[in-house]
Protein backbone atom coordinates (compact mmCIF):
# COMPACT_ATOMS: atom_id res chain seq x y z
CA MET A 1 -4.42 20.63 8.20
CA GLN A 2 -5.51 20.38 4.51
CA ASN A 3 -2.19 20.01 2.91
CA LYS A 4 -1.57 16.71 4.64
CA PHE A 5 -1.93 12.76 3.37
CA TYR A 6 -2.22 10.10 6.00
CA ILE A 7 -2.19 6.45 4.60
CA THR A 8 -2.27 3.12 6.15
CA THR A 9 -1.49 -0.50 5.19
CA ALA A 10 -3.48 -3.24 7.31
CA ILE A 11 -0.92 -4.22 9.92
CA ASP A 12 0.33 -7.81 8.75
CA TYR A 13 -0.28 -10.99 11.05
CA PRO A 14 3.32 -12.47 11.60
CA SER A 15 2.06 -16.10 12.33
CA SER A 16 4.46 -16.94 9.51
CA ASN A 17 6.59 -15.22 7.23
CA PRO A 18 5.62 -12.42 4.72
CA HIS A 19 4.24 -13.44 1.17
CA LEU A 20 3.81 -11.36 -1.97
CA GLY A 21 0.44 -10.42 -0.99
CA HIS A 22 1.94 -8.37 1.92
CA ALA A 23 4.54 -6.87 -0.39
CA TYR A 24 1.90 -5.80 -2.88
CA GLU A 25 -0.42 -4.06 -0.24
CA LYS A 26 3.02 -2.08 0.60
CA LEU A 27 4.04 -1.34 -2.66
CA CYS A 28 0.60 0.23 -3.58
CA ALA A 29 0.44 2.26 -0.31
CA ASP A 30 4.17 3.39 -1.25
CA VAL A 31 3.14 4.82 -4.54
CA LEU A 32 0.50 6.57 -3.15
CA ALA A 33 2.62 8.04 -0.42
CA ARG A 34 5.48 8.84 -2.92
CA TRP A 35 2.86 10.44 -5.24
CA ASN A 36 1.19 12.61 -2.67
CA ARG A 37 4.99 13.71 -1.41
CA LEU A 38 5.50 14.96 -5.07
CA LEU A 39 2.33 16.81 -4.92
CA GLY A 40 3.71 19.01 -1.86
CA LYS A 41 1.78 17.49 0.51
CA GLN A 42 2.82 16.22 4.54
CA VAL A 43 2.52 12.64 4.31
CA PHE A 44 2.68 10.05 7.13
CA PHE A 45 2.71 6.53 5.93
CA LEU A 46 1.92 3.69 8.50
CA THR A 47 2.52 0.16 8.29
CA GLY A 48 3.52 -2.44 10.84
CA THR A 49 2.69 -5.90 12.53
CA ASP A 50 -0.37 -7.23 14.41
CA GLU A 51 0.90 -9.50 17.23
CA HIS A 52 -1.62 -10.52 19.43
CA GLY A 53 -4.14 -13.34 19.61
CA LEU A 54 -4.55 -17.07 19.61
CA LYS A 55 -2.98 -17.94 16.25
CA ILE A 56 0.09 -16.06 17.34
CA MET A 57 0.27 -18.20 20.54
CA ARG A 58 -0.13 -21.46 18.81
CA ALA A 59 2.64 -20.65 16.01
CA ALA A 60 4.95 -19.59 19.03
CA GLN A 61 4.23 -22.82 20.62
CA LYS A 62 5.06 -24.55 17.70
CA ALA A 63 8.39 -22.74 17.06
CA GLY A 64 9.44 -23.22 20.82
CA LEU A 65 9.32 -19.97 21.63
CA THR A 66 7.35 -17.27 23.91
CA PRO A 67 4.74 -15.50 22.09
CA GLN A 68 6.85 -12.29 22.64
CA ALA A 69 10.34 -13.73 21.38
CA PHE A 70 8.16 -15.00 18.40
CA VAL A 71 6.83 -11.81 17.27
CA ASP A 72 9.94 -10.11 17.84
CA ARG A 73 11.64 -12.49 15.38
CA GLN A 74 8.88 -12.34 12.75
CA SER A 75 8.40 -8.49 12.82
CA GLU A 76 11.91 -8.41 11.58
CA LYS A 77 11.30 -10.04 8.86
CA PHE A 78 8.20 -7.63 7.68
CA LYS A 79 11.06 -4.79 8.23
CA GLU A 80 13.43 -6.72 6.08
CA LEU A 81 10.62 -6.75 3.21
CA CYS A 82 10.14 -3.17 3.52
CA SER A 83 13.69 -2.34 3.40
CA LEU A 84 14.21 -4.62 0.06
CA TRP A 85 10.93 -3.28 -1.38
CA ASN A 86 11.92 0.42 -0.77
CA ILE A 87 8.78 0.97 1.20
CA SER A 88 8.98 4.65 2.29
CA TYR A 89 6.99 4.26 5.63
CA ASP A 90 6.92 6.67 8.42
CA ARG A 91 6.22 4.67 11.27
CA PHE A 92 6.37 0.85 11.57
CA ILE A 93 3.98 0.05 14.47
CA ARG A 94 3.80 -3.09 16.68
CA THR A 95 0.86 -3.78 18.50
CA THR A 96 2.98 -5.11 21.49
CA GLU A 97 4.49 -1.57 22.15
CA LYS A 98 3.72 0.06 25.21
CA GLN A 99 2.18 3.09 23.60
CA HIS A 100 -0.35 0.93 21.54
CA ILE A 101 -1.19 -0.96 24.52
CA LYS A 102 -2.05 2.21 26.48
CA VAL A 103 -4.01 3.71 23.76
CA ALA A 104 -5.82 0.51 23.03
CA GLN A 105 -6.83 0.21 26.92
CA GLN A 106 -7.96 3.92 26.79
CA ILE A 107 -10.27 3.40 23.79
CA PHE A 108 -11.71 0.24 25.37
CA LYS A 109 -12.57 2.03 28.68
CA LYS A 110 -13.80 5.27 26.99
CA ILE A 111 -16.34 2.91 25.16
CA TYR A 112 -17.15 0.97 28.03
CA GLU A 113 -17.75 4.06 30.37
CA LYS A 114 -20.07 5.39 27.62
CA GLY A 115 -22.12 2.05 28.07
CA ASP A 116 -21.17 0.59 24.67
CA ILE A 117 -19.64 -2.36 26.18
CA TYR A 118 -21.22 -4.94 28.67
CA LEU A 119 -20.44 -8.36 29.77
CA GLY A 120 -22.03 -11.59 28.60
CA THR A 121 -21.59 -14.90 27.42
CA TYR A 122 -20.27 -15.85 23.57
CA THR A 123 -21.03 -19.01 22.12
CA GLY A 124 -19.89 -19.21 18.40
CA LYS A 125 -17.77 -20.82 15.60
CA TYR A 126 -14.41 -19.51 15.66
CA CYS A 127 -11.63 -19.33 12.88
CA ALA A 128 -8.28 -19.00 14.73
CA ASP A 129 -6.66 -18.31 11.20
CA CYS A 130 -8.64 -15.16 10.56
CA GLU A 131 -9.30 -14.31 14.42
CA THR A 132 -13.09 -14.10 13.39
CA PHE A 133 -16.18 -15.57 14.83
CA TYR A 134 -18.69 -16.90 12.05
CA THR A 135 -22.54 -17.33 12.01
CA GLU A 136 -23.97 -20.59 10.44
CA LYS A 137 -24.80 -18.91 7.42
CA ASP A 138 -21.64 -17.36 6.92
CA LEU A 139 -19.90 -20.77 6.71
CA ILE A 140 -19.15 -22.59 3.43
CA ASP A 141 -19.95 -26.40 4.10
CA GLY A 142 -19.46 -25.65 7.74
CA LYS A 143 -15.97 -24.42 7.06
CA CYS A 144 -14.41 -20.76 7.30
CA PRO A 145 -15.20 -19.02 4.23
CA VAL A 146 -11.39 -17.44 3.86
CA HIS A 147 -9.67 -20.26 4.83
CA GLY A 148 -11.69 -23.36 4.05
CA LYS A 149 -10.98 -24.76 7.74
CA GLU A 150 -13.08 -26.34 10.13
CA CYS A 151 -14.19 -23.63 12.75
CA GLU A 152 -13.87 -24.26 16.52
CA LEU A 153 -16.93 -24.12 18.76
CA VAL A 154 -16.06 -21.48 21.37
CA SER A 155 -18.09 -20.50 24.51
CA GLU A 156 -16.76 -18.15 27.04
CA GLU A 157 -17.60 -15.21 29.04
CA SER A 158 -17.00 -12.16 27.07
CA TYR A 159 -17.55 -8.31 26.88
CA PHE A 160 -19.54 -7.08 23.66
CA PHE A 161 -19.38 -3.97 21.99
CA ARG A 162 -22.70 -2.65 20.91
CA LEU A 163 -22.24 -2.81 17.44
CA SER A 164 -25.94 -2.78 16.31
CA LYS A 165 -26.38 0.63 17.87
CA TYR A 166 -24.27 2.21 15.11
CA LYS A 167 -25.84 0.30 11.91
CA GLU A 168 -27.73 2.95 10.72
CA LYS A 169 -24.86 5.79 11.36
CA VAL A 170 -22.46 3.55 9.25
CA ILE A 171 -25.17 3.11 6.66
CA GLU A 172 -25.39 7.13 6.55
CA TYR A 173 -21.90 7.38 6.36
CA ILE A 174 -21.58 5.14 3.29
CA GLU A 175 -24.38 6.75 1.54
CA LYS A 176 -22.90 10.64 2.11
CA ASN A 177 -19.37 9.73 1.13
CA ASP A 178 -18.46 8.71 -2.42
CA LEU A 179 -15.17 7.51 -1.52
CA SER A 180 -15.88 5.92 2.01
CA ILE A 181 -15.20 2.70 0.17
CA TRP A 182 -13.62 1.94 -2.98
CA PRO A 183 -14.06 0.41 -5.43
CA ALA A 184 -17.76 0.88 -5.73
CA GLY A 185 -18.48 -2.81 -5.86
CA LYS A 186 -16.97 -3.20 -2.45
CA LYS A 187 -19.43 -0.48 -0.95
CA GLU A 188 -22.15 -2.49 -2.50
CA GLU A 189 -21.42 -5.52 -0.91
CA ILE A 190 -21.21 -4.00 2.74
CA LYS A 191 -24.35 -2.09 1.95
CA ASN A 192 -26.24 -5.45 1.13
CA ARG A 193 -24.64 -7.12 4.34
CA LEU A 194 -26.17 -4.24 6.44
CA LYS A 195 -29.39 -5.26 5.52
CA GLN A 196 -29.03 -8.12 7.47
CA ASP A 197 -29.47 -8.01 11.38
CA LEU A 198 -26.16 -6.67 12.80
CA LEU A 199 -25.17 -8.49 15.84
CA ASP A 200 -23.02 -7.04 18.93
CA LEU A 201 -19.31 -7.92 18.69
CA SER A 202 -17.69 -9.95 21.13
CA VAL A 203 -14.44 -8.07 22.15
CA SER A 204 -12.76 -10.02 24.73
CA ARG A 205 -11.41 -13.13 25.29
CA THR A 206 -10.56 -15.58 28.54
CA SER A 207 -9.51 -18.85 26.77
CA PHE A 208 -5.89 -17.54 26.26
CA ASP A 209 -3.89 -14.42 27.63
CA TRP A 210 -1.70 -13.40 24.81
CA GLY A 211 -3.48 -10.21 24.46
CA ILE A 212 -3.88 -6.62 25.78
CA PRO A 213 -5.51 -7.11 29.27
CA VAL A 214 -9.26 -5.48 29.33
CA PRO A 215 -8.42 -2.46 31.78
CA ILE A 216 -11.79 -3.11 33.71
CA ASN A 217 -11.28 -6.64 34.04
CA PRO A 218 -7.59 -8.13 33.75
CA LYS A 219 -9.16 -11.90 33.42
CA HIS A 220 -9.86 -10.80 29.97
CA VAL A 221 -7.72 -9.78 26.91
CA GLN A 222 -8.85 -7.55 24.20
CA TYR A 223 -10.15 -9.38 21.04
CA VAL A 224 -7.43 -8.93 18.12
CA TRP A 225 -10.14 -7.08 16.14
CA ILE A 226 -10.51 -4.26 18.38
CA ASP A 227 -6.74 -3.99 19.60
CA ALA A 228 -5.48 -4.30 16.09
CA LEU A 229 -7.60 -1.47 14.46
CA ILE A 230 -6.56 0.95 17.06
CA ASN A 231 -3.41 0.84 15.80
CA TYR A 232 -4.51 3.45 13.33
CA ILE A 233 -4.86 6.27 15.84
CA SER A 234 -2.16 4.72 18.13
CA GLY A 235 0.40 5.09 15.36
CA VAL A 236 -0.12 8.90 15.18
CA ASP A 237 0.32 9.31 18.60
CA TYR A 238 -3.54 9.53 19.76
CA PRO A 239 -4.70 11.91 20.99
CA ASN A 240 -1.39 14.32 20.80
CA GLU A 241 -0.55 16.92 18.36
CA GLN A 242 0.70 14.41 15.48
CA PHE A 243 -2.67 12.85 15.63
CA LYS A 244 -4.29 16.28 15.42
CA LYS A 245 -2.13 16.99 12.59
CA PHE A 246 -2.72 14.06 10.48
CA TRP A 247 -6.20 12.46 11.49
CA PRO A 248 -8.46 11.49 9.68
CA ALA A 249 -6.73 9.06 7.68
CA ASP A 250 -7.05 9.82 4.04
CA VAL A 251 -6.54 6.03 3.13
CA HIS A 252 -6.92 2.84 4.93
CA LEU A 253 -5.51 0.59 2.06
CA ILE A 254 -6.57 -2.99 2.62
CA GLY A 255 -7.14 -6.48 1.24
CA LYS A 256 -10.66 -7.60 0.32
CA ASP A 257 -11.21 -10.22 2.98
CA ILE A 258 -11.12 -7.40 5.88
CA VAL A 259 -13.33 -4.65 4.34
CA TRP A 260 -16.25 -5.58 7.01
CA HIS A 261 -13.53 -5.07 9.65
CA HIS A 262 -12.42 -1.90 8.70
CA THR A 263 -15.84 -0.50 7.63
CA VAL A 264 -18.28 -1.48 9.97
CA ILE A 265 -16.45 -2.82 12.99
CA TRP A 266 -13.76 0.25 12.91
CA TRP A 267 -16.23 2.74 11.83
CA SER A 268 -18.47 1.85 14.73
CA ILE A 269 -15.57 1.80 17.23
CA LEU A 270 -14.50 5.59 16.19
CA MET A 271 -18.28 6.56 16.48
CA ALA A 272 -18.47 5.39 20.00
CA ALA A 273 -15.11 6.90 20.95
CA ASN A 274 -16.38 10.33 19.33
CA ILE A 275 -13.29 10.17 16.91
CA GLU A 276 -13.94 11.31 13.08
CA LEU A 277 -13.99 8.78 10.48
CA PRO A 278 -11.27 7.93 7.87
CA LYS A 279 -12.02 9.26 4.63
CA THR A 280 -11.41 6.30 2.53
CA VAL A 281 -11.02 2.52 2.61
CA LEU A 282 -9.22 1.53 -0.40
CA VAL A 283 -9.64 -2.14 -1.39
CA HIS A 284 -6.98 -3.99 -3.46
CA GLY A 285 -7.29 -7.43 -4.97
CA PHE A 286 -5.73 -10.55 -4.32
CA ILE A 287 -2.29 -11.94 -6.28
CA GLN A 288 -3.35 -15.34 -7.40
CA THR A 289 -1.34 -17.95 -8.88
CA GLU A 290 -1.64 -18.57 -12.66
CA SER A 291 -4.14 -21.56 -11.78
CA GLY A 292 -6.24 -18.97 -10.23
CA GLU A 293 -5.90 -19.73 -6.57
CA LYS A 294 -5.38 -16.90 -4.18
CA MET A 295 -2.00 -16.78 -2.66
CA SER A 296 -2.20 -17.60 1.13
CA LYS A 297 -0.11 -18.89 3.90
CA SER A 298 -2.55 -21.55 5.05
CA LYS A 299 -2.74 -23.30 1.31
CA GLY A 300 1.10 -23.00 0.94
CA ASN A 301 1.21 -21.66 -2.48
CA VAL A 302 2.81 -18.29 -1.60
CA ILE A 303 5.79 -16.48 -3.49
CA ASP A 304 8.33 -15.24 -0.83
CA PRO A 305 8.81 -11.68 -1.63
CA ILE A 306 11.96 -11.28 -0.17
CA GLU A 307 13.77 -14.10 -2.27
CA LEU A 308 11.88 -12.47 -5.36
CA ALA A 309 13.78 -9.04 -4.47
CA LYS A 310 17.15 -10.90 -3.98
CA ASN A 311 16.56 -12.54 -7.78
CA TYR A 312 15.40 -9.37 -9.68
CA ASN A 313 15.80 -5.64 -9.74
CA ILE A 314 13.37 -4.39 -7.28
CA ASP A 315 12.10 -1.68 -9.51
CA SER A 316 11.41 -4.20 -12.02
CA ILE A 317 9.08 -6.19 -9.74
CA ARG A 318 7.51 -3.03 -8.58
CA TYR A 319 6.88 -1.97 -12.10
CA TYR A 320 5.38 -5.25 -12.96
CA LEU A 321 2.83 -5.75 -10.47
CA ILE A 322 1.52 -2.03 -10.83
CA ARG A 323 1.39 -2.45 -14.73
CA GLU A 324 0.15 -5.94 -14.65
CA ILE A 325 -2.54 -5.89 -12.13
CA PRO A 326 -5.39 -3.41 -12.65
CA PHE A 327 -5.67 -1.71 -9.35
CA GLY A 328 -8.67 -2.94 -7.21
CA GLU A 329 -8.81 -6.05 -9.11
CA ASP A 330 -7.43 -9.46 -8.56
CA GLY A 331 -4.37 -10.11 -10.79
CA TYR A 332 -1.72 -13.18 -11.65
CA PHE A 333 1.95 -13.06 -10.85
CA SER A 334 4.13 -14.62 -13.59
CA GLU A 335 7.99 -14.89 -13.34
CA GLU A 336 7.79 -15.25 -17.27
CA LYS A 337 5.49 -12.08 -17.71
CA LEU A 338 7.86 -10.12 -15.24
CA ILE A 339 11.16 -10.88 -17.35
CA GLU A 340 9.03 -10.00 -20.57
CA ARG A 341 7.93 -6.58 -19.10
CA HIS A 342 11.41 -6.08 -18.01
CA ASN A 343 13.08 -6.62 -21.00
CA THR A 344 10.80 -4.88 -23.52
CA GLU A 345 9.23 -2.06 -21.55
CA LEU A 346 12.35 -1.13 -19.01
CA ALA A 347 15.50 -2.29 -20.87
CA ASN A 348 14.47 -1.74 -24.37
CA ASP A 349 12.01 1.29 -23.91
CA LEU A 350 13.13 3.16 -20.73
CA GLY A 351 16.76 2.16 -20.54
CA ASN A 352 17.58 3.00 -24.09
CA LEU A 353 15.88 6.18 -23.88
CA VAL A 354 17.87 7.33 -21.28
CA ASN A 355 21.26 5.89 -22.43
CA ARG A 356 20.77 7.35 -26.16
CA THR A 357 19.90 10.75 -24.85
CA LEU A 358 22.64 11.02 -22.45
CA ALA A 359 25.26 9.45 -24.88
CA MET A 360 24.13 12.23 -27.51
CA THR A 361 24.56 14.88 -24.84
CA GLU A 362 28.20 13.72 -24.14
CA ARG A 363 29.13 13.28 -27.83
CA TYR A 364 27.57 16.45 -29.14
CA PHE A 365 28.05 18.76 -26.17
CA SER A 366 30.50 17.40 -24.16
CA GLY A 367 27.92 16.36 -21.54
CA VAL A 368 26.64 20.00 -20.98
CA VAL A 369 23.07 20.45 -21.77
CA PRO A 370 22.76 22.99 -24.56
CA ALA A 371 20.41 25.96 -24.38
CA GLY A 372 17.73 25.23 -26.78
CA SER A 373 13.90 25.53 -27.41
CA LEU A 374 11.44 22.95 -26.18
CA ASP A 375 9.66 20.88 -28.90
CA VAL A 376 6.13 21.80 -27.92
CA GLU A 377 4.92 18.80 -30.01
CA LEU A 378 6.71 16.38 -28.01
CA LYS A 379 6.10 18.01 -24.63
CA GLU A 380 2.03 17.78 -25.48
CA LYS A 381 2.54 13.82 -25.81
CA LEU A 382 2.65 13.95 -22.22
CA ASN A 383 -0.66 14.28 -20.92
CA LEU A 384 0.39 15.25 -17.29
CA GLU A 385 -3.47 16.13 -16.24
CA LYS A 386 -4.53 12.73 -17.30
CA VAL A 387 -1.70 11.23 -14.94
CA LYS A 388 -2.73 13.24 -12.09
CA GLN A 389 -6.38 12.23 -12.73
CA HIS A 390 -5.61 8.49 -12.75
CA MET A 391 -3.74 8.95 -9.53
CA GLN A 392 -6.65 10.83 -8.08
CA LYS A 393 -9.11 7.94 -9.06
CA PHE A 394 -6.55 5.25 -7.74
CA GLU A 395 -6.07 3.91 -11.18
CA LEU A 396 -2.39 3.37 -10.59
CA HIS A 397 -2.05 1.00 -13.42
CA LEU A 398 -3.37 3.41 -15.93
CA ALA A 399 -1.34 6.36 -14.73
CA LEU A 400 2.05 4.09 -15.04
CA ALA A 401 0.71 3.31 -18.66
CA GLU A 402 0.29 6.90 -19.38
CA ILE A 403 3.67 7.42 -18.58
CA MET A 404 5.16 4.59 -20.18
CA SER A 405 3.53 5.74 -23.33
CA PHE A 406 5.59 9.29 -23.33
CA VAL A 407 8.75 7.37 -23.02
CA LYS A 408 7.61 5.48 -26.21
CA ALA A 409 6.77 8.75 -27.81
CA CYS A 410 10.39 9.92 -26.80
CA ASN A 411 12.02 7.12 -28.51
CA GLN A 412 9.74 7.66 -31.63
CA TYR A 413 10.86 11.35 -31.50
CA ILE A 414 14.53 10.26 -31.51
CA ASN A 415 13.77 7.82 -34.48
CA GLU A 416 12.00 10.39 -36.46
CA LYS A 417 14.35 13.58 -35.83
CA GLU A 418 17.56 11.68 -36.31
CA PRO A 419 19.86 14.13 -34.42
CA TRP A 420 23.06 12.35 -35.69
CA LYS A 421 22.14 13.95 -38.92
CA LYS A 422 21.45 17.49 -37.40
CA GLN A 423 23.73 20.36 -36.14
CA GLY A 424 23.41 24.03 -34.78
CA LYS A 425 20.42 25.02 -33.13
CA GLU A 426 18.38 22.17 -34.59
CA LEU A 427 20.43 19.51 -32.71
CA SER A 428 20.48 21.83 -29.56
CA ASP A 429 16.68 22.10 -29.33
CA ILE A 430 16.43 18.04 -30.02
CA ILE A 431 18.94 17.43 -27.29
CA TYR A 432 17.69 20.10 -24.83
CA THR A 433 14.02 18.82 -25.33
CA LEU A 434 15.00 15.08 -24.70
CA VAL A 435 16.57 16.08 -21.50
CA GLU A 436 14.08 17.87 -20.29
CA ALA A 437 11.71 14.78 -21.19
CA LEU A 438 13.90 12.54 -18.87
CA ARG A 439 13.58 14.89 -16.11
CA ALA A 440 9.77 14.89 -16.60
CA ILE A 441 10.18 10.87 -16.72
CA ALA A 442 12.27 10.73 -13.71
CA ILE A 443 9.86 12.80 -11.64
CA LEU A 444 6.81 10.83 -12.78
CA LEU A 445 8.58 7.39 -12.33
CA HIS A 446 9.47 8.14 -8.89
CA ALA A 447 6.47 6.83 -7.07
CA PHE A 448 6.72 3.55 -9.05
CA MET A 449 10.32 2.96 -9.41
CA PRO A 450 12.13 5.13 -6.93
CA ALA A 451 15.67 3.63 -7.25
CA SER A 452 15.91 4.00 -11.17
CA SER A 453 14.17 7.52 -10.94
CA GLU A 454 16.83 8.53 -8.66
CA LYS A 455 19.45 7.26 -11.00
CA ILE A 456 18.08 9.16 -13.91
CA ALA A 457 17.92 12.08 -11.85
CA ASN A 458 21.58 11.95 -10.57
CA ALA A 459 22.74 11.67 -13.95
CA LEU A 460 20.99 14.86 -14.98
CA SER A 461 22.33 16.55 -11.57
CA ILE A 462 18.89 17.18 -10.19
CA GLU A 463 17.05 16.18 -7.36
CA VAL A 464 13.45 14.63 -7.32
CA LYS A 465 11.43 17.06 -5.22
CA SER A 466 7.89 18.29 -7.01
CA ILE A 467 5.51 17.46 -9.72
CA GLU A 468 5.76 21.18 -10.50
CA ASP A 469 9.42 20.58 -12.08
CA VAL A 470 7.78 18.61 -14.91
CA PHE A 471 8.49 20.91 -18.07
CA SER A 472 9.16 23.79 -15.60
CA GLU A 473 10.35 27.11 -16.87
CA LYS A 474 13.86 26.25 -14.82
CA GLY A 475 15.41 24.96 -17.78
CA LEU A 476 18.24 22.44 -17.50
CA ALA A 477 20.44 24.25 -19.78
CA GLY A 478 24.16 24.41 -18.55
CA LYS A 479 23.70 21.05 -16.48
CA LYS A 480 26.64 18.88 -16.79
CA VAL A 481 24.92 15.24 -17.24
CA THR A 482 26.52 11.57 -17.06
CA LYS A 483 25.60 8.16 -18.07
CA PRO A 484 24.28 6.24 -15.30
CA GLY A 485 25.20 2.82 -16.74
CA ILE A 486 22.92 0.27 -17.83
CA LEU A 487 19.82 0.80 -15.91
CA PHE A 488 18.17 -2.56 -16.63
CA GLN A 489 20.28 -5.35 -17.80
CA LYS A 490 18.42 -7.96 -19.87
CA ILE A 491 17.43 -11.12 -18.48
CA ASN A 492 18.04 -14.19 -20.50
CA ARG A 493 15.57 -16.88 -20.15
């Protein structure tokens, strides 16, 4: 199916509460999902929680709960995050669901029967926080390179997946597909890492039991990185009709610490199972504190996105994060800068444009959009093709900047034309042009700030449906408009 778009986030590990990094990833995926809906595509957007493994078991014990009761409680917090942040997912998957367990066991058995899984013994340094084994050369001062913690020496019977068998095929896929990993720097990192020997992957555990039983030997549970990755196909009902409609995934959106797992490991599993590979593994950066540290649960320097959403307009937060952080790079979060962008770009620029335009329509035409001619000069200030190209190239921050430059151009148009000094056809043309500009802005901002977009659309008595409606020939003359109230109340510091 050509006219479809299947996007996933990494499923979150709910060993503790959501942090701003979780919210940022979901936000970026939501922007891409909403944008592709505007393009007329059938979109499927998957997110969820990854609920097995040693770290979950330990967190549950600490909380005095069974692992299932613990993940039931925690997954609700991630759903609350999605609700508060206006994340338009189509499916929230949990890896403790029966359907996911069934598919994970099917895939394990399929690969085993192919001869690509065998029984052995694993001894290695294991970080429970990221559920990953590391070789000595991967460690930094003997500690996990991600969490900076001492790794445990683990030795146990384990099933192994013949990851090494797929090394050359993975390299070939990377070379053949320009967008297999984005941005290009991450692709080069994986290619360089693949120059080293590729060891087979331990894919089962016997030292704990909170996991999906291995179908050929229930004494073992599946290693979390084979269990969790399978959510991307179980979440679209593999191998049934929905899977056939939406697979392969167009975008797996992930953080830069799990690129290896989502490329080399995941692609190899799919190859072994004879399943087509996803089109793009899209890598976003980390949100850092102003001191330059990555926000992480283990460091205890996280910002609570649920509290943040209760303290500020959610569209202001969404806008700030997309505008402030060049997509694909690390960025900083600052409440001061959030307030500054809210007050200047949203309250002053966008909010004032909406209020001025609709107030003048009310004053001069009793709230009915006059018949008029579109000012071509202002229309051309909106470079729609440029916006589309930025979105196509995952340059979300540049697409939003382009839209906001048009908002500024509209305010400048009002100042230059001085409609309060005009009358007759000249006044009608100005107001008609401004209302059409508002329609274009409402549509284009929908992916980034859906609630504000809908408020503007409701004030114009329209629905946001398609990018094709930006300056379409179906003009708004005769439509009754209303004032939406203050879109963005200024924040006093």
